[in-house]
Protein backbone atom coordinates (compact mmCIF):
# COMPACT_ATOMS: atom_id res chain seq x y z
CA MET A 1 90.67 177.75 143.48
CA LEU A 2 88.42 174.77 142.37
CA ILE A 3 91.12 172.28 143.71
CA VAL A 4 91.58 174.51 146.89
CA GLY A 5 88.19 174.56 147.59
CA ALA A 6 87.74 170.75 146.76
CA MET A 7 90.40 169.99 148.95
CA SER A 8 89.03 171.92 151.95
CA VAL A 9 85.50 170.06 151.90
CA TRP A 10 87.71 167.02 151.71
CA TYR A 11 89.14 167.96 154.79
CA TYR A 12 86.32 169.14 156.90
CA SER A 13 84.53 165.88 156.04
CA ILE A 14 87.11 164.21 157.20
CA LYS A 15 87.34 166.22 160.38
CA VAL A 16 83.99 165.63 160.83
CA LEU A 17 84.37 161.72 160.60
CA GLU A 18 86.77 161.40 162.84
CA ASP A 19 84.85 163.30 165.22
CA HIS A 20 81.80 161.24 164.92
CA HIS A 21 83.87 158.19 165.65
CA GLU A 22 85.63 159.44 168.73
CA LEU A 23 82.10 160.04 169.63
CA GLN A 24 80.58 156.88 168.49
CA ASN A 25 83.17 155.13 170.50
CA LYS A 26 82.91 157.18 173.86
CA TYR A 27 79.15 156.35 173.48
CA ASP A 28 79.86 153.25 173.06
CA THR A 29 82.69 152.53 176.34
CA LEU A 30 79.70 154.35 178.27
CA VAL A 31 76.85 151.69 177.02
CA GLN A 32 78.77 148.93 178.17
CA ASP A 33 80.14 150.61 181.19
CA ARG A 34 76.48 151.16 182.17
CA LEU A 35 76.02 147.48 181.10
CA THR A 36 78.64 146.70 183.32
CA VAL A 37 77.22 148.66 186.52
CA ILE A 38 73.73 147.19 186.08
CA GLU A 39 75.18 143.40 185.76
CA LEU A 40 77.07 144.27 188.80
CA MET A 41 74.26 146.17 190.74
CA ASP A 42 72.05 142.85 190.08
CA ASP A 43 74.38 140.33 191.34
CA LEU A 44 74.67 142.48 194.50
CA GLN A 45 70.91 142.58 194.78
CA ARG A 46 70.89 139.01 193.96
CA MET A 47 73.31 138.37 196.82
CA LYS A 48 71.74 140.71 199.22
CA GLN A 49 68.13 138.96 198.88
CA MET A 50 70.01 135.97 199.71
CA ASP A 51 71.71 136.80 202.49
CA GLN A 52 68.24 138.61 203.80
CA LEU A 53 66.63 135.31 203.17
CA ILE A 54 68.94 133.54 205.17
CA ARG A 55 69.10 135.84 207.86
CA LYS A 56 65.56 135.66 208.34
CA THR A 57 65.03 132.19 208.46
CA LEU A 58 68.30 131.33 210.81
CA GLY A 59 67.76 134.59 212.64
CA THR A 60 69.76 137.90 212.59
CA GLU A 61 72.58 137.49 214.84
CA ILE A 62 73.91 134.59 212.77
CA ASN A 63 77.47 134.70 211.19
CA LEU A 64 78.33 132.71 208.83
CA ASP A 65 81.78 133.50 208.74
CA THR A 66 82.03 131.54 212.30
CA GLU A 67 82.02 127.79 211.32
CA LYS A 68 81.52 126.71 214.48
CA LYS A 69 78.93 128.91 215.90
CA THR A 70 76.82 127.95 212.60
CA MET A 71 77.19 124.64 212.08
CA ASP A 72 76.54 123.84 216.13
CA SER A 73 73.08 125.87 215.27
CA LEU A 74 72.67 123.01 212.18
CA ARG A 75 72.74 120.17 214.55
CA TYR A 76 70.67 117.72 215.46
CA SER A 77 70.18 116.74 218.83
CA ALA A 78 71.61 113.76 220.43
CA GLU A 79 68.67 112.34 220.35
CA ASP A 80 68.17 112.72 216.50
CA LYS A 81 71.33 110.88 216.57
CA TYR A 82 72.97 113.06 213.80
CA HIS A 83 76.09 114.57 213.17
CA VAL A 84 77.19 116.85 210.30
CA SER A 85 80.73 115.95 209.06
CA TYR A 86 82.74 117.59 206.21
CA ILE A 87 82.43 115.20 203.93
CA GLU A 88 78.90 114.72 204.47
CA ASN A 89 78.71 119.01 204.14
CA PHE A 90 80.21 118.94 201.12
CA PRO A 91 78.41 119.41 197.80
CA SER A 92 78.95 115.89 196.81
CA LYS A 93 76.08 114.11 195.57
CA ALA A 94 74.52 114.87 192.03
CA PRO A 95 70.97 115.95 192.41
CA ILE A 96 69.55 113.79 189.71
CA GLN A 97 70.38 112.14 186.67
CA GLY A 98 69.86 114.04 183.77
CA TRP A 99 70.71 115.83 180.23
CA LEU A 100 72.49 119.04 180.49
CA THR A 101 71.32 121.41 178.77
CA GLN A 102 72.64 125.13 180.13
CA ARG A 103 75.81 125.96 181.55
CA ILE A 104 76.68 128.29 184.09
CA SER A 105 77.01 131.63 182.15
CA GLN A 106 78.00 135.50 182.56
CA SER A 107 75.62 137.97 180.41
CA SER A 108 77.51 138.60 177.07
CA ILE A 109 76.23 140.54 174.09
CA PHE A 110 74.53 137.43 173.16
CA GLN A 111 72.76 136.86 176.71
CA ASN A 112 71.01 139.04 178.66
CA GLU A 113 71.02 137.62 181.91
CA ASN A 114 73.41 135.81 184.07
CA HIS A 115 73.07 131.70 184.53
CA TYR A 116 74.20 131.23 187.98
CA GLY A 117 73.93 127.04 187.48
CA ILE A 118 73.54 124.61 185.09
CA ASP A 119 69.70 122.89 183.90
CA LEU A 120 69.39 119.49 183.86
CA ALA A 121 66.85 118.02 181.56
CA VAL A 122 64.81 115.14 183.40
CA LYS A 123 61.36 113.43 183.29
CA GLU A 124 58.56 115.46 185.65
CA GLY A 125 58.33 113.84 189.16
CA GLU A 126 61.91 112.32 189.06
CA PRO A 127 63.23 112.75 192.74
CA ILE A 128 65.52 115.33 193.52
CA LEU A 129 68.60 114.75 196.09
CA ALA A 130 70.34 117.00 198.53
CA SER A 131 74.07 117.19 197.16
CA ALA A 132 75.46 117.53 200.78
CA GLY A 133 73.66 117.62 204.12
CA GLY A 134 72.62 120.77 205.97
CA SER A 135 69.78 122.84 206.95
CA VAL A 136 66.83 123.99 204.70
CA VAL A 137 67.26 127.98 204.54
CA TYR A 138 64.23 128.68 202.13
CA SER A 139 61.41 126.32 200.78
CA GLY A 140 58.60 127.85 199.16
CA TRP A 141 57.42 129.95 195.76
CA ASN A 142 59.67 132.12 193.69
CA TYR A 143 58.35 134.17 190.30
CA GLU A 144 61.33 133.18 188.76
CA MET A 145 61.98 129.61 189.63
CA GLY A 146 58.88 128.22 190.36
CA ASN A 147 59.21 126.01 193.76
CA LEU A 148 62.36 126.67 195.45
CA ILE A 149 64.89 124.86 198.02
CA ILE A 150 68.14 126.64 198.77
CA LEU A 151 69.88 124.26 201.71
CA TYR A 152 72.82 125.78 203.71
CA HIS A 153 75.95 122.98 204.47
CA GLY A 154 78.24 124.69 206.92
CA ASN A 155 81.45 126.60 205.42
CA ALA A 156 79.73 129.64 203.54
CA TYR A 157 78.37 126.74 201.09
CA PHE A 158 74.54 126.66 199.60
CA THR A 159 73.20 124.54 196.85
CA LEU A 160 69.93 126.37 195.23
CA TYR A 161 67.12 123.66 193.60
CA GLY A 162 64.74 125.77 191.48
CA HIS A 163 61.50 124.44 189.15
CA ASN A 164 60.60 122.03 190.98
CA GLN A 165 57.18 119.97 191.03
CA ARG A 166 56.76 120.00 194.68
CA ASN A 167 59.25 120.99 197.67
CA GLN A 168 59.20 118.23 200.15
CA VAL A 169 61.42 119.38 203.16
CA GLN A 170 60.26 122.55 205.30
CA LYS A 171 62.27 125.70 206.13
CA LEU A 172 65.05 124.80 208.87
CA GLU A 173 64.68 121.22 208.75
CA SER A 174 67.68 119.42 208.46
CA VAL A 175 68.51 116.85 206.06
CA LYS A 176 71.19 114.56 205.40
CA ARG A 177 73.41 114.10 202.02
CA GLY A 178 71.32 112.03 199.98
CA ASP A 179 67.86 112.46 201.26
CA VAL A 180 64.79 113.19 198.64
CA ILE A 181 63.89 117.08 198.74
CA ALA A 182 61.82 117.73 195.90
CA LEU A 183 60.67 116.37 192.83
CA ALA A 184 61.44 117.82 189.69
CA GLY A 185 59.11 119.84 187.62
CA LYS A 186 58.69 123.12 185.48
CA THR A 187 57.04 125.54 187.33
CA GLY A 188 58.08 129.28 187.26
CA ILE A 189 59.61 130.07 184.19
CA SER A 190 60.56 127.07 182.82
CA SER A 191 60.04 125.76 178.97
CA GLY A 192 59.76 122.03 180.33
CA PRO A 193 60.69 119.70 183.23
CA HIS A 194 64.11 120.18 184.45
CA LEU A 195 66.36 121.23 187.72
CA HIS A 196 68.23 124.62 188.03
CA TYR A 197 70.86 123.76 190.01
CA GLU A 198 73.52 126.12 191.99
CA ILE A 199 76.17 126.03 194.28
CA TRP A 200 77.36 128.77 196.52
CA LYS A 201 80.35 129.67 198.63
CA ASP A 202 81.45 132.84 199.86
CA GLY A 203 78.74 134.87 198.17
CA GLU A 204 79.94 133.52 194.88
CA ALA A 205 78.45 131.27 192.41
CA LEU A 206 80.38 128.14 191.67
CA ASP A 207 80.19 126.04 188.53
CA PRO A 208 78.40 122.55 189.75
CA LEU A 209 80.27 121.03 186.51
CA ILE A 210 83.75 121.19 188.75
CA PHE A 211 82.19 119.22 191.38
CA PHE A 212 80.16 116.83 188.99
CA PRO A 213 82.07 116.66 185.84
CA GLN A 214 79.98 113.63 184.86
CA TYR A 215 77.28 115.84 183.85
CA LYS A 216 79.43 116.20 181.10
CA GLU A 217 78.77 113.15 179.13
CA LYS A 218 75.57 114.11 178.52
CA ASP A 219 76.22 117.36 177.57
CA VAL A 220 73.92 119.05 175.06
CA SER A 221 73.84 122.50 176.05
CA PRO A 222 74.62 125.17 173.23
CA ASN A 223 77.79 125.75 174.46
CA ASN A 224 78.99 122.54 174.71
CA GLU A 225 82.86 122.89 174.26
């Protein structure tokens, strides 16, 4: 009788543990799904904010999918002797020389926030260059990025430059590839002087290291491969 009772208790305990593990697995799945949804909502909100900012700056009727119409709206007049070209407006000029301290990354169990670009540690006051020709769609203050500049280059390309000490261009101003647009700083949420640099195309953040692999030569980031 004692053996039967012990076996019953053992069987019941095993059943309880199995149920507990099943519930724990379901809970973990729900938590992970919720985190994924939150990340997607954050990304969507960021893209919506950028789209609203661009449309507010360039006009509500702008159609970023129509390259000819958009590029025409960004051209200087003939008197200004400036013409947009595909080479000029493709991100191909390193915005600054510095040490790579953080790469582009997505959220994980070790990181709660997405990092949509790269961080380059530099001396405060170093000039920041436009990596391509285009138009300034935003030049102002952002709580996270401090003094922030966003350039539109046509063909759905955008570049973003954050934590600037001082912006040196105004919105709707046209810039050429290599023009000084700001001075590097540590405004906003920053532990030291550096440039936060992003490249976007068609609403997707691209890895700047694909465009500027030379930054890998001075890579001191935690995830240096």
